[in-house]
Amino acid sequence: MQKKIEIIDGKEIHIIDDIFSVAEIEAFYEYVNSLSFRKREKSLSYDEFPIFSTDFIPATFETETFIGKKSREILNQINSAGKDYEMCRSYINLCAYGDVEYPHFDCDPDQSDITVLYYVNKFWDYKYGGETIFYENKQSRLAILPTPGRIVIFPGNIEHMGTIPTRICKLSRYSLAMKFRKKKNHDKN
């Protein structure tokens, strides 16, 4: 496993490679390729160009898939408070050349949600583009290629955008997003 940390606006973005075997990456890609998608995922309320997505049941995905289990394990390793978070959403975005994406936040600035991205494609050439771009003060600061099997973990209150593949890319770009939110303490009044 290879880990790299980048800092944007004082917040850590963890980039983790070589977690899964080639067979695991290919198996999950083939599974995802067989799923049905609906064109409804919007980055922002005013987004007039939704992209295709499909959702999973978060608790089931986290406990019954090798990607969900490994994501939880890594989250707990890099964040001492990881156990205080629960997966609140898990879904796959599908985008292709011609789609539209916008810079967005996964939570409000005062929230501490965590996003775990997994790049699903079993092959990706850097010439295809499709980077996830992270912004600071409306300026691009970091671009991360959707390398097969790569996981990126970051605070949801960092502005970011999954970019669209270039014209030469004949593949759909799949990204799995797992959103974690602090558990509510039901014992407090």
N, C-alpha and C. Protein backbone atom coordinates (compact mmCIF):
# COMPACT_ATOMS: atom_id res chain seq x y z
N MET A 1 0.85 -1.18 0.00
CA MET A 1 0.00 0.00 0.00
C MET A 1 0.90 1.24 0.00
N GLN A 2 0.57 2.18 -0.88
CA GLN A 2 1.31 3.44 -0.94
C GLN A 2 0.38 4.57 -0.54
N LYS A 3 0.85 5.42 0.40
CA LYS A 3 0.04 6.53 0.89
C LYS A 3 0.75 7.85 0.63
N LYS A 4 -0.04 8.84 0.27
CA LYS A 4 0.49 10.19 0.08
C LYS A 4 -0.52 11.15 0.69
N ILE A 5 -0.03 12.20 1.34
CA ILE A 5 -0.92 13.20 1.94
C ILE A 5 -0.63 14.55 1.30
N GLU A 6 -1.69 15.21 0.87
CA GLU A 6 -1.62 16.58 0.36
C GLU A 6 -2.43 17.45 1.31
N ILE A 7 -2.04 18.71 1.45
CA ILE A 7 -2.74 19.63 2.35
C ILE A 7 -3.34 20.77 1.52
N ILE A 8 -4.63 20.99 1.73
CA ILE A 8 -5.32 22.13 1.11
C ILE A 8 -6.09 22.84 2.21
N ASP A 9 -5.84 24.13 2.34
CA ASP A 9 -6.53 24.95 3.34
C ASP A 9 -6.38 24.33 4.73
N GLY A 10 -5.23 23.74 5.01
CA GLY A 10 -4.96 23.14 6.31
C GLY A 10 -5.62 21.79 6.52
N LYS A 11 -6.23 21.22 5.50
CA LYS A 11 -6.95 19.94 5.61
C LYS A 11 -6.24 18.87 4.81
N GLU A 12 -6.20 17.66 5.35
CA GLU A 12 -5.49 16.56 4.71
C GLU A 12 -6.34 15.84 3.67
N ILE A 13 -5.71 15.57 2.53
CA ILE A 13 -6.28 14.72 1.49
C ILE A 13 -5.36 13.52 1.38
N HIS A 14 -5.89 12.34 1.64
CA HIS A 14 -5.10 11.10 1.62
C HIS A 14 -5.32 10.40 0.29
N ILE A 15 -4.23 10.07 -0.39
CA ILE A 15 -4.27 9.36 -1.67
C ILE A 15 -3.61 8.01 -1.43
N ILE A 16 -4.36 6.93 -1.63
CA ILE A 16 -3.87 5.60 -1.28
C ILE A 16 -3.97 4.69 -2.50
N ASP A 17 -2.85 4.09 -2.85
CA ASP A 17 -2.77 3.19 -4.00
C ASP A 17 -2.32 1.81 -3.56
N ASP A 18 -2.43 0.85 -4.47
CA ASP A 18 -1.96 -0.53 -4.26
C ASP A 18 -2.62 -1.18 -3.04
N ILE A 19 -3.91 -0.98 -2.92
CA ILE A 19 -4.68 -1.57 -1.83
C ILE A 19 -5.29 -2.89 -2.27
N PHE A 20 -5.80 -2.90 -3.50
CA PHE A 20 -6.54 -4.04 -4.01
C PHE A 20 -5.73 -4.76 -5.08
N SER A 21 -5.98 -6.05 -5.20
CA SER A 21 -5.33 -6.83 -6.25
C SER A 21 -5.96 -6.49 -7.60
N VAL A 22 -5.27 -6.81 -8.67
CA VAL A 22 -5.80 -6.61 -10.02
C VAL A 22 -7.11 -7.38 -10.17
N ALA A 23 -7.17 -8.59 -9.63
CA ALA A 23 -8.39 -9.40 -9.72
C ALA A 23 -9.56 -8.72 -9.01
N GLU A 24 -9.31 -8.12 -7.84
CA GLU A 24 -10.37 -7.42 -7.11
C GLU A 24 -10.84 -6.19 -7.89
N ILE A 25 -9.90 -5.43 -8.43
CA ILE A 25 -10.25 -4.25 -9.22
C ILE A 25 -11.10 -4.64 -10.42
N GLU A 26 -10.67 -5.68 -11.13
CA GLU A 26 -11.41 -6.13 -12.32
C GLU A 26 -12.79 -6.67 -11.96
N ALA A 27 -12.87 -7.44 -10.87
CA ALA A 27 -14.16 -8.02 -10.47
C ALA A 27 -15.17 -6.93 -10.11
N PHE A 28 -14.73 -5.92 -9.36
CA PHE A 28 -15.67 -4.86 -8.99
C PHE A 28 -16.06 -4.04 -10.22
N TYR A 29 -15.12 -3.80 -11.12
CA TYR A 29 -15.43 -3.07 -12.35
C TYR A 29 -16.48 -3.82 -13.17
N GLU A 30 -16.30 -5.12 -13.32
CA GLU A 30 -17.27 -5.92 -14.09
C GLU A 30 -18.64 -5.89 -13.43
N TYR A 31 -18.65 -5.96 -12.10
CA TYR A 31 -19.92 -5.87 -11.36
C TYR A 31 -20.59 -4.52 -11.64
N VAL A 32 -19.84 -3.44 -11.52
CA VAL A 32 -20.39 -2.09 -11.74
C VAL A 32 -20.88 -1.94 -13.17
N ASN A 33 -20.16 -2.49 -14.11
CA ASN A 33 -20.55 -2.41 -15.52
C ASN A 33 -21.89 -3.08 -15.78
N SER A 34 -22.31 -3.97 -14.90
CA SER A 34 -23.58 -4.68 -15.08
C SER A 34 -24.76 -3.97 -14.40
N LEU A 35 -24.50 -2.91 -13.65
CA LEU A 35 -25.55 -2.22 -12.90
C LEU A 35 -26.37 -1.29 -13.78
N SER A 36 -27.57 -1.00 -13.32
CA SER A 36 -28.42 -0.01 -13.98
C SER A 36 -28.15 1.35 -13.34
N PHE A 37 -28.10 2.38 -14.16
CA PHE A 37 -27.85 3.74 -13.69
C PHE A 37 -29.01 4.64 -14.11
N ARG A 38 -29.26 5.67 -13.30
CA ARG A 38 -30.28 6.67 -13.63
C ARG A 38 -29.61 8.03 -13.71
N LYS A 39 -30.05 8.85 -14.64
CA LYS A 39 -29.47 10.19 -14.84
C LYS A 39 -30.16 11.15 -13.88
N ARG A 40 -29.59 11.26 -12.66
CA ARG A 40 -30.23 12.10 -11.65
C ARG A 40 -29.26 12.76 -10.69
N GLU A 41 -28.00 12.40 -10.72
CA GLU A 41 -27.04 12.92 -9.74
C GLU A 41 -26.64 14.35 -10.10
N LYS A 42 -26.86 15.26 -9.14
CA LYS A 42 -26.54 16.67 -9.34
C LYS A 42 -25.53 17.11 -8.29
N SER A 43 -24.55 17.90 -8.72
CA SER A 43 -23.56 18.44 -7.79
C SER A 43 -24.14 19.61 -6.99
N LEU A 44 -25.04 20.35 -7.60
CA LEU A 44 -25.61 21.56 -7.00
C LEU A 44 -27.10 21.62 -7.29
N SER A 45 -27.83 22.38 -6.49
CA SER A 45 -29.28 22.45 -6.67
C SER A 45 -29.67 23.02 -8.03
N TYR A 46 -28.86 23.91 -8.58
CA TYR A 46 -29.19 24.52 -9.88
C TYR A 46 -28.57 23.77 -11.07
N ASP A 47 -28.01 22.62 -10.82
CA ASP A 47 -27.38 21.81 -11.88
C ASP A 47 -28.45 21.34 -12.86
N GLU A 48 -28.35 21.77 -14.10
CA GLU A 48 -29.32 21.38 -15.13
C GLU A 48 -28.85 20.18 -15.95
N PHE A 49 -27.69 19.63 -15.59
CA PHE A 49 -27.10 18.55 -16.36
C PHE A 49 -26.72 17.38 -15.46
N PRO A 50 -27.70 16.67 -14.90
CA PRO A 50 -27.35 15.56 -14.01
C PRO A 50 -26.57 14.48 -14.74
N ILE A 51 -25.79 13.74 -13.98
CA ILE A 51 -25.05 12.61 -14.54
C ILE A 51 -25.68 11.32 -14.03
N PHE A 52 -25.26 10.20 -14.61
CA PHE A 52 -25.79 8.90 -14.22
C PHE A 52 -25.19 8.47 -12.88
N SER A 53 -26.02 7.82 -12.07
CA SER A 53 -25.54 7.28 -10.80
C SER A 53 -26.40 6.09 -10.39
N THR A 54 -25.88 5.34 -9.44
CA THR A 54 -26.63 4.26 -8.81
C THR A 54 -26.22 4.20 -7.35
N ASP A 55 -27.20 3.98 -6.48
CA ASP A 55 -26.95 3.99 -5.03
C ASP A 55 -26.95 2.58 -4.45
N PHE A 56 -26.22 2.45 -3.35
CA PHE A 56 -26.20 1.22 -2.55
C PHE A 56 -26.76 1.54 -1.17
N ILE A 57 -27.15 0.52 -0.45
CA ILE A 57 -27.55 0.70 0.95
C ILE A 57 -26.26 0.84 1.75
N PRO A 58 -26.02 2.00 2.38
CA PRO A 58 -24.72 2.26 3.01
C PRO A 58 -24.27 1.20 4.02
N ALA A 59 -25.12 0.83 4.95
CA ALA A 59 -24.71 -0.13 5.99
C ALA A 59 -24.34 -1.47 5.37
N THR A 60 -25.09 -1.90 4.38
CA THR A 60 -24.80 -3.16 3.70
C THR A 60 -23.51 -3.06 2.90
N PHE A 61 -23.34 -1.96 2.19
CA PHE A 61 -22.14 -1.80 1.37
C PHE A 61 -20.89 -1.81 2.25
N GLU A 62 -20.95 -1.13 3.37
CA GLU A 62 -19.78 -1.04 4.26
C GLU A 62 -19.40 -2.38 4.88
N THR A 63 -20.38 -3.19 5.20
CA THR A 63 -20.09 -4.43 5.93
C THR A 63 -20.02 -5.68 5.06
N GLU A 64 -20.53 -5.59 3.81
CA GLU A 64 -20.60 -6.80 3.00
C GLU A 64 -19.79 -6.76 1.70
N THR A 65 -19.09 -5.65 1.44
CA THR A 65 -18.25 -5.60 0.24
C THR A 65 -16.79 -5.40 0.65
N PHE A 66 -15.89 -5.95 -0.12
CA PHE A 66 -14.47 -5.82 0.23
C PHE A 66 -14.02 -4.36 0.14
N ILE A 67 -14.62 -3.58 -0.74
CA ILE A 67 -14.25 -2.17 -0.85
C ILE A 67 -14.79 -1.39 0.34
N GLY A 68 -16.02 -1.66 0.73
CA GLY A 68 -16.59 -1.00 1.90
C GLY A 68 -15.82 -1.32 3.17
N LYS A 69 -15.47 -2.59 3.35
CA LYS A 69 -14.71 -3.00 4.54
C LYS A 69 -13.33 -2.35 4.57
N LYS A 70 -12.64 -2.38 3.44
CA LYS A 70 -11.28 -1.82 3.37
C LYS A 70 -11.33 -0.30 3.56
N SER A 71 -12.34 0.35 3.01
CA SER A 71 -12.47 1.80 3.17
C SER A 71 -12.65 2.16 4.64
N ARG A 72 -13.46 1.41 5.33
CA ARG A 72 -13.66 1.63 6.77
C ARG A 72 -12.35 1.42 7.53
N GLU A 73 -11.65 0.37 7.19
CA GLU A 73 -10.37 0.07 7.85
C GLU A 73 -9.37 1.21 7.66
N ILE A 74 -9.25 1.70 6.44
CA ILE A 74 -8.30 2.79 6.16
C ILE A 74 -8.75 4.08 6.84
N LEU A 75 -10.04 4.37 6.80
CA LEU A 75 -10.55 5.57 7.47
C LEU A 75 -10.19 5.54 8.95
N ASN A 76 -10.38 4.39 9.59
CA ASN A 76 -10.05 4.27 11.02
C ASN A 76 -8.55 4.42 11.27
N GLN A 77 -7.72 3.98 10.31
CA GLN A 77 -6.27 4.11 10.46
C GLN A 77 -5.81 5.56 10.36
N ILE A 78 -6.36 6.31 9.44
CA ILE A 78 -5.86 7.67 9.21
C ILE A 78 -6.57 8.73 10.05
N ASN A 79 -7.69 8.38 10.64
CA ASN A 79 -8.45 9.34 11.44
C ASN A 79 -8.79 8.68 12.77
N SER A 80 -8.20 9.19 13.84
CA SER A 80 -8.42 8.58 15.16
C SER A 80 -9.89 8.62 15.56
N ALA A 81 -10.67 9.52 14.99
CA ALA A 81 -12.10 9.60 15.28
C ALA A 81 -12.93 8.84 14.26
N GLY A 82 -12.28 8.07 13.38
CA GLY A 82 -12.99 7.35 12.33
C GLY A 82 -14.13 6.48 12.83
N LYS A 83 -13.93 5.88 14.00
CA LYS A 83 -14.98 5.01 14.56
C LYS A 83 -16.23 5.79 14.94
N ASP A 84 -16.11 7.11 15.07
CA ASP A 84 -17.24 7.96 15.42
C ASP A 84 -18.07 8.36 14.20
N TYR A 85 -17.69 7.85 13.04
CA TYR A 85 -18.38 8.18 11.80
C TYR A 85 -19.14 6.96 11.28
N GLU A 86 -20.28 7.24 10.63
CA GLU A 86 -21.04 6.17 10.00
C GLU A 86 -21.25 6.52 8.53
N MET A 87 -21.26 5.48 7.70
CA MET A 87 -21.50 5.70 6.28
C MET A 87 -22.96 6.10 6.10
N CYS A 88 -23.19 7.26 5.51
CA CYS A 88 -24.56 7.74 5.32
C CYS A 88 -25.02 7.64 3.87
N ARG A 89 -24.06 7.48 2.95
CA ARG A 89 -24.43 7.30 1.55
C ARG A 89 -23.29 6.61 0.82
N SER A 90 -23.63 5.75 -0.12
CA SER A 90 -22.64 5.11 -0.99
C SER A 90 -23.28 4.97 -2.37
N TYR A 91 -22.55 5.46 -3.38
CA TYR A 91 -23.12 5.47 -4.73
C TYR A 91 -22.00 5.57 -5.76
N ILE A 92 -22.32 5.23 -6.97
CA ILE A 92 -21.37 5.31 -8.07
C ILE A 92 -21.86 6.34 -9.08
N ASN A 93 -20.96 7.23 -9.44
CA ASN A 93 -21.21 8.18 -10.53
C ASN A 93 -20.62 7.63 -11.81
N LEU A 94 -21.33 7.83 -12.90
CA LEU A 94 -20.86 7.45 -14.23
C LEU A 94 -20.88 8.72 -15.06
N CYS A 95 -19.75 9.08 -15.63
CA CYS A 95 -19.74 10.22 -16.54
C CYS A 95 -18.93 9.88 -17.78
N ALA A 96 -19.23 10.59 -18.84
CA ALA A 96 -18.57 10.36 -20.12
C ALA A 96 -18.34 11.70 -20.80
N TYR A 97 -17.55 11.67 -21.85
CA TYR A 97 -17.29 12.89 -22.62
C TYR A 97 -18.62 13.55 -22.98
N GLY A 98 -18.71 14.85 -22.76
CA GLY A 98 -19.93 15.59 -23.07
C GLY A 98 -20.78 15.88 -21.85
N ASP A 99 -20.56 15.16 -20.75
CA ASP A 99 -21.29 15.45 -19.51
C ASP A 99 -20.76 16.75 -18.91
N VAL A 100 -21.44 17.22 -17.88
CA VAL A 100 -21.06 18.47 -17.22
C VAL A 100 -20.92 18.21 -15.73
N GLU A 101 -19.88 18.74 -15.13
CA GLU A 101 -19.67 18.68 -13.68
C GLU A 101 -19.39 20.09 -13.17
N TYR A 102 -19.64 20.31 -11.89
CA TYR A 102 -19.40 21.60 -11.25
C TYR A 102 -18.55 21.41 -10.00
N PRO A 103 -17.74 22.41 -9.64
CA PRO A 103 -17.09 22.37 -8.33
C PRO A 103 -18.17 22.40 -7.25
N HIS A 104 -17.97 21.63 -6.20
CA HIS A 104 -18.97 21.55 -5.14
C HIS A 104 -18.33 21.09 -3.83
N PHE A 105 -19.09 21.17 -2.76
CA PHE A 105 -18.72 20.67 -1.44
C PHE A 105 -19.64 19.49 -1.13
N ASP A 106 -19.15 18.53 -0.38
CA ASP A 106 -20.00 17.40 0.02
C ASP A 106 -20.75 17.67 1.32
N CYS A 107 -20.40 18.74 2.02
CA CYS A 107 -21.10 19.13 3.23
C CYS A 107 -20.89 20.62 3.45
N ASP A 108 -21.60 21.18 4.40
CA ASP A 108 -21.44 22.60 4.73
C ASP A 108 -20.07 22.85 5.36
N PRO A 109 -19.58 24.08 5.27
CA PRO A 109 -18.24 24.39 5.80
C PRO A 109 -18.06 24.08 7.29
N ASP A 110 -19.14 24.17 8.07
CA ASP A 110 -19.02 23.92 9.51
C ASP A 110 -19.22 22.44 9.87
N GLN A 111 -19.45 21.59 8.90
CA GLN A 111 -19.62 20.16 9.16
C GLN A 111 -18.29 19.43 8.98
N SER A 112 -18.21 18.25 9.56
CA SER A 112 -16.96 17.48 9.53
C SER A 112 -17.11 16.15 8.78
N ASP A 113 -18.02 16.11 7.80
CA ASP A 113 -18.21 14.88 7.03
C ASP A 113 -16.90 14.50 6.32
N ILE A 114 -16.77 13.21 6.04
CA ILE A 114 -15.59 12.69 5.35
C ILE A 114 -16.06 11.95 4.10
N THR A 115 -15.38 12.19 2.99
CA THR A 115 -15.69 11.50 1.75
C THR A 115 -14.55 10.54 1.42
N VAL A 116 -14.93 9.33 1.03
CA VAL A 116 -13.97 8.34 0.54
C VAL A 116 -14.34 8.06 -0.91
N LEU A 117 -13.41 8.34 -1.82
CA LEU A 117 -13.61 8.05 -3.24
C LEU A 117 -12.82 6.81 -3.61
N TYR A 118 -13.42 5.98 -4.44
CA TYR A 118 -12.72 4.82 -5.00
C TYR A 118 -12.90 4.91 -6.51
N TYR A 119 -11.79 4.86 -7.24
CA TYR A 119 -11.85 4.91 -8.70
C TYR A 119 -12.03 3.50 -9.25
N VAL A 120 -13.16 3.28 -9.88
CA VAL A 120 -13.65 1.95 -10.24
C VAL A 120 -13.04 1.37 -11.51
N ASN A 121 -12.73 2.20 -12.49
CA ASN A 121 -12.28 1.67 -13.79
C ASN A 121 -11.10 0.73 -13.63
N LYS A 122 -11.08 -0.32 -14.47
CA LYS A 122 -9.97 -1.28 -14.40
C LYS A 122 -8.79 -0.84 -15.26
N PHE A 123 -9.01 0.16 -16.10
CA PHE A 123 -7.94 0.74 -16.91
C PHE A 123 -8.22 2.23 -17.06
N TRP A 124 -7.17 3.05 -16.98
CA TRP A 124 -7.32 4.48 -17.21
C TRP A 124 -6.00 5.05 -17.69
N ASP A 125 -6.02 5.69 -18.85
CA ASP A 125 -4.84 6.35 -19.40
C ASP A 125 -4.88 7.82 -18.96
N TYR A 126 -3.75 8.37 -18.57
CA TYR A 126 -3.74 9.76 -18.11
C TYR A 126 -4.24 10.72 -19.19
N LYS A 127 -4.15 10.33 -20.45
CA LYS A 127 -4.63 11.18 -21.54
C LYS A 127 -6.15 11.31 -21.55
N TYR A 128 -6.82 10.44 -20.80
CA TYR A 128 -8.28 10.48 -20.72
C TYR A 128 -8.79 11.61 -19.82
N GLY A 129 -7.91 12.23 -19.04
CA GLY A 129 -8.37 13.26 -18.11
C GLY A 129 -9.16 12.64 -16.98
N GLY A 130 -10.29 13.26 -16.63
CA GLY A 130 -11.15 12.72 -15.59
C GLY A 130 -10.63 12.91 -14.18
N GLU A 131 -9.66 13.81 -14.00
CA GLU A 131 -9.09 14.02 -12.67
C GLU A 131 -10.13 14.56 -11.70
N THR A 132 -9.92 14.31 -10.43
CA THR A 132 -10.66 14.99 -9.38
C THR A 132 -9.81 16.21 -9.02
N ILE A 133 -10.41 17.37 -9.14
CA ILE A 133 -9.69 18.62 -8.86
C ILE A 133 -10.16 19.15 -7.51
N PHE A 134 -9.20 19.56 -6.69
CA PHE A 134 -9.49 20.18 -5.40
C PHE A 134 -9.13 21.65 -5.48
N TYR A 135 -9.98 22.48 -4.88
CA TYR A 135 -9.84 23.93 -4.97
C TYR A 135 -9.57 24.54 -3.60
N GLU A 136 -8.90 25.69 -3.63
CA GLU A 136 -8.73 26.53 -2.45
C GLU A 136 -8.94 27.96 -2.91
N ASN A 137 -9.89 28.65 -2.29
CA ASN A 137 -10.23 30.03 -2.68
C ASN A 137 -10.52 30.14 -4.19
N LYS A 138 -11.28 29.18 -4.68
CA LYS A 138 -11.72 29.15 -6.09
C LYS A 138 -10.57 29.02 -7.09
N GLN A 139 -9.45 28.52 -6.62
CA GLN A 139 -8.29 28.25 -7.49
C GLN A 139 -7.97 26.76 -7.41
N SER A 140 -7.73 26.13 -8.54
CA SER A 140 -7.38 24.70 -8.51
C SER A 140 -6.02 24.53 -7.84
N ARG A 141 -5.94 23.58 -6.92
CA ARG A 141 -4.72 23.34 -6.16
C ARG A 141 -4.16 21.95 -6.35
N LEU A 142 -5.02 20.99 -6.67
CA LEU A 142 -4.58 19.61 -6.74
C LEU A 142 -5.47 18.86 -7.73
N ALA A 143 -4.85 18.08 -8.59
CA ALA A 143 -5.58 17.23 -9.53
C ALA A 143 -5.13 15.79 -9.31
N ILE A 144 -6.08 14.89 -9.11
CA ILE A 144 -5.77 13.49 -8.84
C ILE A 144 -6.38 12.64 -9.95
N LEU A 145 -5.53 11.89 -10.64
CA LEU A 145 -6.00 10.99 -11.70
C LEU A 145 -6.85 9.87 -11.12
N PRO A 146 -7.87 9.43 -11.85
CA PRO A 146 -8.68 8.30 -11.39
C PRO A 146 -8.00 6.97 -11.68
N THR A 147 -6.85 6.77 -11.08
CA THR A 147 -6.07 5.55 -11.26
C THR A 147 -6.87 4.35 -10.74
N PRO A 148 -6.95 3.26 -11.50
CA PRO A 148 -7.73 2.10 -11.05
C PRO A 148 -7.34 1.63 -9.64
N GLY A 149 -8.37 1.45 -8.81
CA GLY A 149 -8.16 0.95 -7.45
C GLY A 149 -7.72 1.99 -6.45
N ARG A 150 -7.54 3.22 -6.86
CA ARG A 150 -7.07 4.28 -5.96
C ARG A 150 -8.21 4.72 -5.03
N ILE A 151 -7.84 5.01 -3.79
CA ILE A 151 -8.77 5.58 -2.82
C ILE A 151 -8.27 6.97 -2.44
N VAL A 152 -9.19 7.92 -2.36
CA VAL A 152 -8.88 9.27 -1.91
C VAL A 152 -9.84 9.58 -0.76
N ILE A 153 -9.28 10.01 0.37
CA ILE A 153 -10.08 10.33 1.55
C ILE A 153 -9.85 11.80 1.89
N PHE A 154 -10.94 12.54 2.06
CA PHE A 154 -10.82 13.98 2.32
C PHE A 154 -12.03 14.51 3.07
N PRO A 155 -11.87 15.64 3.76
CA PRO A 155 -13.01 16.28 4.41
C PRO A 155 -14.01 16.76 3.34
N GLY A 156 -15.28 16.52 3.60
CA GLY A 156 -16.31 16.89 2.64
C GLY A 156 -16.46 18.39 2.45
N ASN A 157 -15.83 19.18 3.34
CA ASN A 157 -15.95 20.63 3.22
C ASN A 157 -14.80 21.26 2.42
N ILE A 158 -14.11 20.44 1.62
CA ILE A 158 -13.14 20.95 0.64
C ILE A 158 -13.84 20.98 -0.72
N GLU A 159 -13.77 22.11 -1.39
CA GLU A 159 -14.40 22.21 -2.71
C GLU A 159 -13.63 21.34 -3.70
N HIS A 160 -14.37 20.59 -4.51
CA HIS A 160 -13.75 19.66 -5.45
C HIS A 160 -14.69 19.40 -6.62
N MET A 161 -14.17 18.73 -7.64
CA MET A 161 -14.97 18.39 -8.81
C MET A 161 -14.35 17.20 -9.52
N GLY A 162 -15.16 16.23 -9.85
CA GLY A 162 -14.73 15.14 -10.72
C GLY A 162 -14.87 15.61 -12.15
N THR A 163 -13.77 15.66 -12.88
CA THR A 163 -13.84 16.21 -14.23
C THR A 163 -14.25 15.14 -15.25
N ILE A 164 -14.63 15.61 -16.40
CA ILE A 164 -15.17 14.77 -17.46
C ILE A 164 -14.02 14.21 -18.30
N PRO A 165 -14.15 12.97 -18.77
CA PRO A 165 -13.12 12.42 -19.65
C PRO A 165 -12.98 13.23 -20.94
N THR A 166 -11.80 13.16 -21.53
CA THR A 166 -11.53 13.85 -22.79
C THR A 166 -12.22 13.14 -23.95
N ARG A 167 -12.22 13.79 -25.08
CA ARG A 167 -12.89 13.24 -26.27
C ARG A 167 -12.30 11.90 -26.71
N ILE A 168 -11.01 11.68 -26.49
CA ILE A 168 -10.39 10.43 -26.94
C ILE A 168 -10.77 9.24 -26.07
N CYS A 169 -11.39 9.50 -24.93
CA CYS A 169 -11.77 8.41 -24.01
C CYS A 169 -13.10 7.81 -24.45
N LYS A 170 -13.10 6.53 -24.75
CA LYS A 170 -14.33 5.86 -25.17
C LYS A 170 -14.97 5.09 -24.02
N LEU A 171 -14.44 5.28 -22.82
CA LEU A 171 -14.94 4.60 -21.63
C LEU A 171 -15.76 5.55 -20.78
N SER A 172 -16.64 5.00 -19.98
CA SER A 172 -17.28 5.79 -18.94
C SER A 172 -16.31 5.88 -17.77
N ARG A 173 -16.33 6.99 -17.06
CA ARG A 173 -15.53 7.16 -15.86
C ARG A 173 -16.43 6.85 -14.67
N TYR A 174 -16.07 5.82 -13.92
CA TYR A 174 -16.84 5.43 -12.73
C TYR A 174 -16.08 5.86 -11.48
N SER A 175 -16.80 6.47 -10.55
CA SER A 175 -16.21 6.74 -9.24
C SER A 175 -17.23 6.38 -8.17
N LEU A 176 -16.76 5.67 -7.18
CA LEU A 176 -17.59 5.28 -6.04
C LEU A 176 -17.35 6.30 -4.95
N ALA A 177 -18.42 6.91 -4.46
CA ALA A 177 -18.33 7.86 -3.36
C ALA A 177 -18.98 7.24 -2.13
N MET A 178 -18.23 7.25 -1.03
CA MET A 178 -18.75 6.79 0.25
C MET A 178 -18.68 7.98 1.19
N LYS A 179 -19.83 8.42 1.67
CA LYS A 179 -19.91 9.61 2.52
C LYS A 179 -20.10 9.17 3.97
N PHE A 180 -19.26 9.72 4.84
CA PHE A 180 -19.30 9.40 6.26
C PHE A 180 -19.65 10.66 7.05
N ARG A 181 -20.55 10.49 7.99
CA ARG A 181 -21.00 11.59 8.86
C ARG A 181 -20.84 11.16 10.31
N LYS A 182 -20.55 12.14 11.17
CA LYS A 182 -20.41 11.82 12.60
C LYS A 182 -21.71 11.20 13.10
N LYS A 183 -21.54 10.13 13.89
CA LYS A 183 -22.70 9.48 14.47
C LYS A 183 -23.37 10.43 15.45
N LYS A 184 -24.69 10.37 15.48
CA LYS A 184 -25.43 11.16 16.46
C LYS A 184 -25.38 10.42 17.78
N ASN A 185 -25.09 11.15 18.83
CA ASN A 185 -25.05 10.55 20.16
C ASN A 185 -26.46 10.59 20.73
N HIS A 186 -27.11 9.45 20.70
CA HIS A 186 -28.50 9.37 21.16
C HIS A 186 -28.61 9.34 22.67
N ASP A 187 -27.47 9.25 23.37
CA ASP A 187 -27.50 9.20 24.83
C ASP A 187 -27.60 10.59 25.45
N LYS A 188 -27.26 11.64 24.68
CA LYS A 188 -27.32 13.00 25.20
C LYS A 188 -28.74 13.53 25.16
N ASN A 189 -29.05 14.44 26.07
CA ASN A 189 -30.39 15.05 26.10
C ASN A 189 -30.49 16.17 25.12
